[in-house]
Every structure is written in structure tokens, then in C-alpha cells.
Amino acid sequence: MATPTLPNSRTEPDGSAVIRVLAYNVRSMRDDTDALARVITACAPDLVLVQEAPRFFRWRKKLARLAAASGQTVLTGGATAAGPAILCSLRATVERTRDVLLPLTPGLHRRGFATAVVRFGGVRLGVLSCHLSLRQDERYEQGGMLLDRLAALGVEHAVAGGDLNERPDGRTFRRLAAALRDCRAVSPWGGEFTSTATDPHQRIDALFATEGVEVLGCGVPLGLPGLSEADLRRATDHLPVLAALRIPAS
């Protein structure tokens, strides 16, 4: 069955902007990068919140190639944020960016946030891409840091998302959903489960928005024109989350 139509990006007469935001764990681009670029292109996003971006040898070049192949440009992140990154379309005007490294727990992976403030016409939006810890206690602390960092961007409207490594009934997921709007829960669209790409059985990737952001639809983009299930399986080990949001004029 085809997925119902998700609103396209546009600027409304009242100055508000409808944008598409994609959250996607790309597994360091170790899989089929052509399929990955086709998936992103088919989703037609204005912002791509990437997790597990390349972090080692020639990581900037690899991320730039993915952006170019999918009609995007690199906004911030990658190795400088320990994996999270943000790509954007030319529709976005960049106001500022900042990559944040989180406290390192010995024996565990370094984590970080890629953050930015962007404009779409008269709309101003904070953006944060994250990949939270596999360990429960550290993940919960990082959830609090995410909320603090989002507030520190100093903008009324913001979107955050990525790989939470936790299902909606988990303590950290519930902490974020209590402070922000879980876009999938507010306006379900498309598929629900994001992991794994070959056997989707759990929702551990999500997008969240602040109050005042209207969620027009959010979920795994199944059945979009130009998007094949084969590409979704080959691109990486997660399925992406796509949301259409209406952001009020600033």
C-alpha cells in the first residue's frame, strides 16, 4: 500500500514555512552509498540529521560526497561531533553552528551533538542531531544535556532527533517526550519501526519538536516516489525517520 502524501516544502502566505526533516543513521557509510543517496534524495529533505557520519580517514570528503549526491550541503558535524552531523538544502540560510563533545565515560564511545540555527525565509529554527549512549545511565544523562543544549540555542522553535538507542517506553525517550513533542506520536505517517532495516521491529530513532511547531506527519518513508524498499535495506542498518513540520514565522 502506498504511503499517503506528505506535504512538500513551501513558504506560506503568513510567513510560516513547511519543511521536511530527515533523521538517519548511515552506519559510517559502510553499506551501499548510492542507495543511501537515492533514499535521501527521494525524501526531499530541507534538513538531514545524520548519525554515525564518517569520523576517520577523509571523513569530510565522504560526507561532502554524500551531500552532493543527494542534493544537500554539509552544514556541520561529523568527526567534530563524534558522529552526528547536519546536512541542509540550499533553501536554508545558516545563522550559526556548533559541534559539542559530551563527557567521555572510560571504555565507552565518545558522543556528541551537532547543532545549528538556520532560517527559512522569515522562520528561525534551532536544530540538533544526536546519537545517544548504549548504556542506560549515561543515555539518561545525555538526554538532559540534549534538552539543555536545545534551550541554549536561544530560539523559540527547534527540532532535535536521531538514534536514541532506546524505545518509546524507555526512561530517556520518555524524558525527551515529556519536554518536547514526539513527532511520530503527534502525527503518525508512514512506517513506525526503524531498526533494523532488514527486520524492522523497534522504534529507536525519532524526531522531536518544541511547542508551537506543527507536526504534519512523521514516520518511516515507505512508498515515496523514487524510493524502493531494496534501497532502504541496502543503504544502512537503520530506516530513516521523515517529518513534515510547519514552523511559525519568527
C-alpha atoms as a PDB file:
ATOM      1  CA  MET A   1       0.000   0.000   0.000  1.00  0.00           C
ATOM      2  CA  ALA A   2       1.345   3.432  -0.934  1.00  0.00           C
ATOM      3  CA  THR A   3       2.152   5.883   1.836  1.00  0.00           C
ATOM      4  CA  PRO A   4      -0.229   8.886   1.955  1.00  0.00           C
ATOM      5  CA  THR A   5       1.224  12.082   0.592  1.00  0.00           C
ATOM      6  CA  LEU A   6       3.457  14.072   2.936  1.00  0.00           C
ATOM      7  CA  PRO A   7       3.343  17.862   2.464  1.00  0.00           C
ATOM      8  CA  ASN A   8       6.087  19.342   0.315  1.00  0.00           C
ATOM      9  CA  SER A   9       8.371  22.121   1.493  1.00  0.00           C
ATOM     10  CA  ARG A  10       6.956  25.597   0.933  1.00  0.00           C
ATOM     11  CA  THR A  11       6.603  29.080   2.375  1.00  0.00           C
ATOM     12  CA  GLU A  12       3.091  30.022   3.440  1.00  0.00           C
ATOM     13  CA  PRO A  13       1.457  33.439   2.821  1.00  0.00           C
ATOM     14  CA  ASP A  14       1.614  34.182   6.568  1.00  0.00           C
ATOM     15  CA  GLY A  15       5.404  33.784   6.543  1.00  0.00           C
ATOM     16  CA  SER A  16       5.459  30.351   8.153  1.00  0.00           C
ATOM     17  CA  ALA A  17       7.482  27.600   6.486  1.00  0.00           C
ATOM     18  CA  VAL A  18       6.703  23.951   5.847  1.00  0.00           C
ATOM     19  CA  ILE A  19       9.935  21.966   5.946  1.00  0.00           C
ATOM     20  CA  ARG A  20      10.922  18.313   5.690  1.00  0.00           C
ATOM     21  CA  VAL A  21      13.359  16.954   8.279  1.00  0.00           C
ATOM     22  CA  LEU A  22      15.052  13.560   7.966  1.00  0.00           C
ATOM     23  CA  ALA A  23      16.835  11.670  10.772  1.00  0.00           C
ATOM     24  CA  TYR A  24      19.097   8.875   9.510  1.00  0.00           C
ATOM     25  CA  ASN A  25      21.780   6.624  10.987  1.00  0.00           C
ATOM     26  CA  VAL A  26      24.078   5.981   7.997  1.00  0.00           C
ATOM     27  CA  ARG A  27      26.459   3.496   9.719  1.00  0.00           C
ATOM     28  CA  SER A  28      29.588   5.410   8.687  1.00  0.00           C
ATOM     29  CA  MET A  29      28.588   4.941   5.028  1.00  0.00           C
ATOM     30  CA  ARG A  30      29.858   1.354   5.131  1.00  0.00           C
ATOM     31  CA  ASP A  31      26.992  -0.005   3.045  1.00  0.00           C
ATOM     32  CA  ASP A  32      25.595   0.957  -0.386  1.00  0.00           C
ATOM     33  CA  THR A  33      26.287   4.696  -0.644  1.00  0.00           C
ATOM     34  CA  ASP A  34      24.451   5.009  -3.970  1.00  0.00           C
ATOM     35  CA  ALA A  35      21.325   3.547  -2.370  1.00  0.00           C
ATOM     36  CA  LEU A  36      21.822   5.864   0.612  1.00  0.00           C
ATOM     37  CA  ALA A  37      21.946   8.922  -1.651  1.00  0.00           C
ATOM     38  CA  ARG A  38      18.827   7.768  -3.512  1.00  0.00           C
ATOM     39  CA  VAL A  39      16.907   7.371  -0.242  1.00  0.00           C
ATOM     40  CA  ILE A  40      17.823  10.865   0.926  1.00  0.00           C
ATOM     41  CA  THR A  41      17.030  12.376  -2.474  1.00  0.00           C
ATOM     42  CA  ALA A  42      13.602  10.712  -2.617  1.00  0.00           C
ATOM     43  CA  CYS A  43      12.725  12.149   0.807  1.00  0.00           C
ATOM     44  CA  ALA A  44      13.430  15.716  -0.466  1.00  0.00           C
ATOM     45  CA  PRO A  45      14.506  17.000   2.959  1.00  0.00           C
ATOM     46  CA  ASP A  46      15.406  20.542   3.915  1.00  0.00           C
ATOM     47  CA  LEU A  47      17.443  19.210   6.850  1.00  0.00           C
ATOM     48  CA  VAL A  48      19.117  15.823   7.361  1.00  0.00           C
ATOM     49  CA  LEU A  49      20.053  14.885  10.918  1.00  0.00           C
ATOM     50  CA  VAL A  50      22.774  12.284  10.378  1.00  0.00           C
ATOM     51  CA  GLN A  51      24.101   9.774  12.907  1.00  0.00           C
ATOM     52  CA  GLU A  52      27.278   7.719  12.509  1.00  0.00           C
ATOM     53  CA  ALA A  53      28.676  10.031   9.863  1.00  0.00           C
ATOM     54  CA  PRO A  54      32.231   9.085   8.783  1.00  0.00           C
ATOM     55  CA  ARG A  55      34.739  10.040  11.509  1.00  0.00           C
ATOM     56  CA  PHE A  56      38.108   8.814  10.324  1.00  0.00           C
ATOM     57  CA  PHE A  57      40.230   8.876   7.149  1.00  0.00           C
ATOM     58  CA  ARG A  58      38.948  11.520   4.696  1.00  0.00           C
ATOM     59  CA  TRP A  59      35.705  11.832   6.623  1.00  0.00           C
ATOM     60  CA  ARG A  60      34.997  15.360   5.349  1.00  0.00           C
ATOM     61  CA  LYS A  61      35.291  14.249   1.734  1.00  0.00           C
ATOM     62  CA  LYS A  62      33.000  11.252   2.274  1.00  0.00           C
ATOM     63  CA  LEU A  63      30.320  13.359   3.948  1.00  0.00           C
ATOM     64  CA  ALA A  64      30.592  16.025   1.254  1.00  0.00           C
ATOM     65  CA  ARG A  65      30.165  13.391  -1.459  1.00  0.00           C
ATOM     66  CA  LEU A  66      27.006  12.077   0.202  1.00  0.00           C
ATOM     67  CA  ALA A  67      25.632  15.603   0.487  1.00  0.00           C
ATOM     68  CA  ALA A  68      26.365  16.392  -3.164  1.00  0.00           C
ATOM     69  CA  ALA A  69      24.900  13.093  -4.378  1.00  0.00           C
ATOM     70  CA  SER A  70      21.643  13.745  -2.503  1.00  0.00           C
ATOM     71  CA  GLY A  71      21.133  17.433  -3.301  1.00  0.00           C
ATOM     72  CA  GLN A  72      22.351  18.666   0.088  1.00  0.00           C
ATOM     73  CA  THR A  73      25.278  20.570   1.541  1.00  0.00           C
ATOM     74  CA  VAL A  74      27.203  19.847   4.737  1.00  0.00           C
ATOM     75  CA  LEU A  75      26.073  22.209   7.477  1.00  0.00           C
ATOM     76  CA  THR A  76      28.061  20.922  10.462  1.00  0.00           C
ATOM     77  CA  GLY A  77      29.215  17.857  12.370  1.00  0.00           C
ATOM     78  CA  GLY A  78      30.913  14.581  11.559  1.00  0.00           C
ATOM     79  CA  ALA A  79      34.130  13.742  13.394  1.00  0.00           C
ATOM     80  CA  THR A  80      33.985  17.096  15.205  1.00  0.00           C
ATOM     81  CA  ALA A  81      30.744  15.973  16.902  1.00  0.00           C
ATOM     82  CA  ALA A  82      31.824  12.315  17.295  1.00  0.00           C
ATOM     83  CA  GLY A  83      29.417  11.153  14.585  1.00  0.00           C
ATOM     84  CA  PRO A  84      26.269  13.319  14.449  1.00  0.00           C
ATOM     85  CA  ALA A  85      26.083  15.731  11.504  1.00  0.00           C
ATOM     86  CA  ILE A  86      23.574  18.022   9.825  1.00  0.00           C
ATOM     87  CA  LEU A  87      23.052  18.399   6.085  1.00  0.00           C
ATOM     88  CA  CYS A  88      20.774  21.022   4.569  1.00  0.00           C
ATOM     89  CA  SER A  89      19.275  22.051   1.260  1.00  0.00           C
ATOM     90  CA  LEU A  90      20.075  25.378  -0.374  1.00  0.00           C
ATOM     91  CA  ARG A  91      16.729  26.602   0.925  1.00  0.00           C
ATOM     92  CA  ALA A  92      18.278  27.012   4.381  1.00  0.00           C
ATOM     93  CA  THR A  93      20.232  30.098   5.411  1.00  0.00           C
ATOM     94  CA  VAL A  94      22.776  29.272   8.109  1.00  0.00           C
ATOM     95  CA  GLU A  95      22.966  31.626  11.071  1.00  0.00           C
ATOM     96  CA  ARG A  96      25.444  29.689  13.222  1.00  0.00           C
ATOM     97  CA  THR A  97      26.684  26.182  14.012  1.00  0.00           C
ATOM     98  CA  ARG A  98      28.342  24.454  16.947  1.00  0.00           C
ATOM     99  CA  ASP A  99      29.585  20.901  17.479  1.00  0.00           C
ATOM    100  CA  VAL A 100      29.552  19.698  21.078  1.00  0.00           C
ATOM    101  CA  LEU A 101      31.516  16.778  22.542  1.00  0.00           C
ATOM    102  CA  LEU A 102      29.887  15.178  25.587  1.00  0.00           C
ATOM    103  CA  PRO A 103      31.760  13.903  28.662  1.00  0.00           C
ATOM    104  CA  LEU A 104      33.589  10.670  27.900  1.00  0.00           C
ATOM    105  CA  THR A 105      32.908   7.617  30.039  1.00  0.00           C
ATOM    106  CA  PRO A 106      36.027   5.413  30.090  1.00  0.00           C
ATOM    107  CA  GLY A 107      35.544   2.322  27.977  1.00  0.00           C
ATOM    108  CA  LEU A 108      32.586   3.737  26.038  1.00  0.00           C
ATOM    109  CA  HIS A 109      32.336   5.592  22.728  1.00  0.00           C
ATOM    110  CA  ARG A 110      32.665   9.366  22.682  1.00  0.00           C
ATOM    111  CA  ARG A 111      29.310  11.020  21.969  1.00  0.00           C
ATOM    112  CA  GLY A 112      28.379  14.497  20.807  1.00  0.00           C
ATOM    113  CA  PHE A 113      25.766  16.812  19.336  1.00  0.00           C
ATOM    114  CA  ALA A 114      25.778  18.656  16.013  1.00  0.00           C
ATOM    115  CA  THR A 115      23.788  21.872  16.412  1.00  0.00           C
ATOM    116  CA  ALA A 116      22.807  24.830  14.279  1.00  0.00           C
ATOM    117  CA  VAL A 117      20.432  27.754  13.955  1.00  0.00           C
ATOM    118  CA  VAL A 118      19.034  28.189  10.449  1.00  0.00           C
ATOM    119  CA  ARG A 119      16.487  30.347   8.678  1.00  0.00           C
ATOM    120  CA  PHE A 120      13.868  29.508   6.086  1.00  0.00           C
ATOM    121  CA  GLY A 121      12.641  32.874   4.879  1.00  0.00           C
ATOM    122  CA  GLY A 122      11.160  34.550   7.942  1.00  0.00           C
ATOM    123  CA  VAL A 123      11.403  31.388  10.040  1.00  0.00           C
ATOM    124  CA  ARG A 124      14.208  30.809  12.550  1.00  0.00           C
ATOM    125  CA  LEU A 125      14.855  27.261  13.735  1.00  0.00           C
ATOM    126  CA  GLY A 126      17.255  25.526  16.118  1.00  0.00           C
ATOM    127  CA  VAL A 127      18.478  22.081  15.037  1.00  0.00           C
ATOM    128  CA  LEU A 128      20.217  19.278  16.949  1.00  0.00           C
ATOM    129  CA  SER A 129      21.393  15.855  15.760  1.00  0.00           C
ATOM    130  CA  CYS A 130      22.235  13.214  18.368  1.00  0.00           C
ATOM    131  CA  HIS A 131      23.257   9.588  18.846  1.00  0.00           C
ATOM    132  CA  LEU A 132      22.780   8.606  22.481  1.00  0.00           C
ATOM    133  CA  SER A 133      24.686   6.041  24.502  1.00  0.00           C
ATOM    134  CA  LEU A 134      24.061   2.317  24.565  1.00  0.00           C
ATOM    135  CA  ARG A 135      24.340   2.411  28.377  1.00  0.00           C
ATOM    136  CA  GLN A 136      21.149   3.348  30.200  1.00  0.00           C
ATOM    137  CA  ASP A 137      22.515   5.660  32.882  1.00  0.00           C
ATOM    138  CA  GLU A 138      24.778   7.569  30.502  1.00  0.00           C
ATOM    139  CA  ARG A 139      21.958   7.801  27.963  1.00  0.00           C
ATOM    140  CA  TYR A 140      19.637   9.375  30.531  1.00  0.00           C
ATOM    141  CA  GLU A 141      22.249  11.997  31.430  1.00  0.00           C
ATOM    142  CA  GLN A 142      22.770  12.744  27.751  1.00  0.00           C
ATOM    143  CA  GLY A 143      19.022  13.245  27.365  1.00  0.00           C
ATOM    144  CA  GLY A 144      19.207  16.022  29.943  1.00  0.00           C
ATOM    145  CA  MET A 145      22.220  17.532  28.163  1.00  0.00           C
ATOM    146  CA  LEU A 146      20.247  17.467  24.911  1.00  0.00           C
ATOM    147  CA  LEU A 147      17.406  19.465  26.463  1.00  0.00           C
ATOM    148  CA  ASP A 148      19.874  21.942  27.983  1.00  0.00           C
ATOM    149  CA  ARG A 149      21.733  22.361  24.686  1.00  0.00           C
ATOM    150  CA  LEU A 150      18.497  22.875  22.754  1.00  0.00           C
ATOM    151  CA  ALA A 151      17.405  25.580  25.211  1.00  0.00           C
ATOM    152  CA  ALA A 152      20.848  27.204  24.956  1.00  0.00           C
ATOM    153  CA  LEU A 153      20.336  27.782  21.221  1.00  0.00           C
ATOM    154  CA  GLY A 154      18.117  30.677  22.284  1.00  0.00           C
ATOM    155  CA  VAL A 155      15.407  30.231  19.658  1.00  0.00           C
ATOM    156  CA  GLU A 156      11.663  29.807  20.140  1.00  0.00           C
ATOM    157  CA  HIS A 157      11.309  26.881  17.737  1.00  0.00           C
ATOM    158  CA  ALA A 158      13.608  23.882  17.443  1.00  0.00           C
ATOM    159  CA  VAL A 159      13.814  20.305  16.203  1.00  0.00           C
ATOM    160  CA  ALA A 160      16.028  17.539  17.577  1.00  0.00           C
ATOM    161  CA  GLY A 161      16.432  13.949  16.583  1.00  0.00           C
ATOM    162  CA  GLY A 162      18.496  10.939  15.843  1.00  0.00           C
ATOM    163  CA  ASP A 163      19.317   7.482  17.116  1.00  0.00           C
ATOM    164  CA  LEU A 164      18.250   7.269  20.765  1.00  0.00           C
ATOM    165  CA  ASN A 165      19.242   3.627  21.242  1.00  0.00           C
ATOM    166  CA  GLU A 166      16.008   3.301  23.199  1.00  0.00           C
ATOM    167  CA  ARG A 167      12.336   2.525  22.585  1.00  0.00           C
ATOM    168  CA  PRO A 168       9.478   4.924  23.439  1.00  0.00           C
ATOM    169  CA  ASP A 169       8.822   3.218  26.789  1.00  0.00           C
ATOM    170  CA  GLY A 170      12.420   3.822  27.911  1.00  0.00           C
ATOM    171  CA  ARG A 171      13.324   6.346  30.596  1.00  0.00           C
ATOM    172  CA  THR A 172      15.341   8.677  28.340  1.00  0.00           C
ATOM    173  CA  PHE A 173      12.838   8.577  25.477  1.00  0.00           C
ATOM    174  CA  ARG A 174      10.071   9.446  27.949  1.00  0.00           C
ATOM    175  CA  ARG A 175      12.189  12.284  29.370  1.00  0.00           C
ATOM    176  CA  LEU A 176      12.542  13.840  25.925  1.00  0.00           C
ATOM    177  CA  ALA A 177       8.885  13.268  25.039  1.00  0.00           C
ATOM    178  CA  ALA A 178       7.798  14.989  28.268  1.00  0.00           C
ATOM    179  CA  ALA A 179       9.736  18.151  27.405  1.00  0.00           C
ATOM    180  CA  LEU A 180       9.327  18.090  23.612  1.00  0.00           C
ATOM    181  CA  ARG A 181       6.814  16.742  21.111  1.00  0.00           C
ATOM    182  CA  ASP A 182       7.499  13.238  19.799  1.00  0.00           C
ATOM    183  CA  CYS A 183       6.649  13.919  16.158  1.00  0.00           C
ATOM    184  CA  ARG A 184       5.666  10.328  15.350  1.00  0.00           C
ATOM    185  CA  ALA A 185       3.271  10.159  18.320  1.00  0.00           C
ATOM    186  CA  VAL A 186       1.717  13.537  17.459  1.00  0.00           C
ATOM    187  CA  SER A 187       1.058  12.824  13.763  1.00  0.00           C
ATOM    188  CA  PRO A 188       1.779   9.226  12.663  1.00  0.00           C
ATOM    189  CA  TRP A 189       2.598   8.759   8.991  1.00  0.00           C
ATOM    190  CA  GLY A 190       4.395   6.031   7.058  1.00  0.00           C
ATOM    191  CA  GLY A 191       6.026   3.194   8.963  1.00  0.00           C
ATOM    192  CA  GLU A 192       6.769   3.007  12.672  1.00  0.00           C
ATOM    193  CA  PHE A 193       9.812   0.795  13.276  1.00  0.00           C
ATOM    194  CA  THR A 194      13.322   1.968  12.383  1.00  0.00           C
ATOM    195  CA  SER A 195      15.578  -0.918  13.430  1.00  0.00           C
ATOM    196  CA  THR A 196      16.766  -2.962  11.755  1.00  0.00           C
ATOM    197  CA  ALA A 197      16.450  -2.107   8.074  1.00  0.00           C
ATOM    198  CA  THR A 198      16.084  -5.779   7.129  1.00  0.00           C
ATOM    199  CA  ASP A 199      13.897  -6.708  10.132  1.00  0.00           C
ATOM    200  CA  PRO A 200      12.091  -3.600  11.436  1.00  0.00           C
ATOM    201  CA  HIS A 201      10.766  -4.416  14.912  1.00  0.00           C
ATOM    202  CA  GLN A 202      11.544  -1.434  17.160  1.00  0.00           C
ATOM    203  CA  ARG A 203      11.410   2.375  17.086  1.00  0.00           C
ATOM    204  CA  ILE A 204      14.734   3.671  18.416  1.00  0.00           C
ATOM    205  CA  ASP A 205      15.157   6.645  16.036  1.00  0.00           C
ATOM    206  CA  ALA A 206      12.956   9.705  16.480  1.00  0.00           C
ATOM    207  CA  LEU A 207      12.347  13.364  15.789  1.00  0.00           C
ATOM    208  CA  PHE A 208      11.200  15.820  18.462  1.00  0.00           C
ATOM    209  CA  ALA A 209       9.957  19.403  18.123  1.00  0.00           C
ATOM    210  CA  THR A 210       9.284  22.229  20.537  1.00  0.00           C
ATOM    211  CA  GLU A 211       5.812  23.543  21.309  1.00  0.00           C
ATOM    212  CA  GLY A 212       4.496  25.786  18.559  1.00  0.00           C
ATOM    213  CA  VAL A 213       5.884  23.615  15.767  1.00  0.00           C
ATOM    214  CA  GLU A 214       3.013  21.939  13.913  1.00  0.00           C
ATOM    215  CA  VAL A 215       3.702  18.319  13.021  1.00  0.00           C
ATOM    216  CA  LEU A 216       2.069  17.462   9.683  1.00  0.00           C
ATOM    217  CA  GLY A 217       3.278  13.864   9.562  1.00  0.00           C
ATOM    218  CA  CYS A 218       6.194  11.745  10.778  1.00  0.00           C
ATOM    219  CA  GLY A 219       7.422   8.203  10.229  1.00  0.00           C
ATOM    220  CA  VAL A 220       9.487   5.866   8.121  1.00  0.00           C
ATOM    221  CA  PRO A 221       9.090   6.970   4.470  1.00  0.00           C
ATOM    222  CA  LEU A 222       7.689   3.882   2.786  1.00  0.00           C
ATOM    223  CA  GLY A 223       6.256   4.067  -0.739  1.00  0.00           C
ATOM    224  CA  LEU A 224       7.515   7.536  -1.664  1.00  0.00           C
ATOM    225  CA  PRO A 225       8.068   8.119  -5.397  1.00  0.00           C
ATOM    226  CA  GLY A 226      11.619   7.146  -6.306  1.00  0.00           C
ATOM    227  CA  LEU A 227      12.148   5.276  -3.028  1.00  0.00           C
ATOM    228  CA  SER A 228      12.458   1.498  -3.198  1.00  0.00           C
ATOM    229  CA  GLU A 229      12.378  -0.961  -0.314  1.00  0.00           C
ATOM    230  CA  ALA A 230      15.514  -2.538  -1.762  1.00  0.00           C
ATOM    231  CA  ASP A 231      17.383   0.760  -1.384  1.00  0.00           C
ATOM    232  CA  LEU A 232      16.138   1.140   2.193  1.00  0.00           C
ATOM    233  CA  ARG A 233      17.532  -2.301   3.020  1.00  0.00           C
ATOM    234  CA  ARG A 234      20.860  -1.738   1.252  1.00  0.00           C
ATOM    235  CA  ALA A 235      21.604   1.828   2.352  1.00  0.00           C
ATOM    236  CA  THR A 236      22.364   1.203   6.055  1.00  0.00           C
ATOM    237  CA  ASP A 237      21.174  -0.862   9.022  1.00  0.00           C
ATOM    238  CA  HIS A 238      18.543   1.683  10.187  1.00  0.00           C
ATOM    239  CA  LEU A 239      15.454   3.029   8.463  1.00  0.00           C
ATOM    240  CA  PRO A 240      15.129   6.815   8.291  1.00  0.00           C
ATOM    241  CA  VAL A 241      12.517   8.987  10.000  1.00  0.00           C
ATOM    242  CA  LEU A 242      10.961  11.755   7.903  1.00  0.00           C
ATOM    243  CA  ALA A 243       8.758  14.561   9.223  1.00  0.00           C
ATOM    244  CA  ALA A 244       6.938  17.478   7.659  1.00  0.00           C
ATOM    245  CA  LEU A 245       6.761  20.422  10.048  1.00  0.00           C
ATOM    246  CA  ARG A 246       5.167  23.851   9.866  1.00  0.00           C
ATOM    247  CA  ILE A 247       7.311  26.442  11.639  1.00  0.00           C
ATOM    248  CA  PRO A 248       5.689  29.763  12.567  1.00  0.00           C
ATOM    249  CA  ALA A 249       7.314  32.962  11.348  1.00  0.00           C
ATOM    250  CA  SER A 250       9.707  34.448  13.892  1.00  0.00           C
END
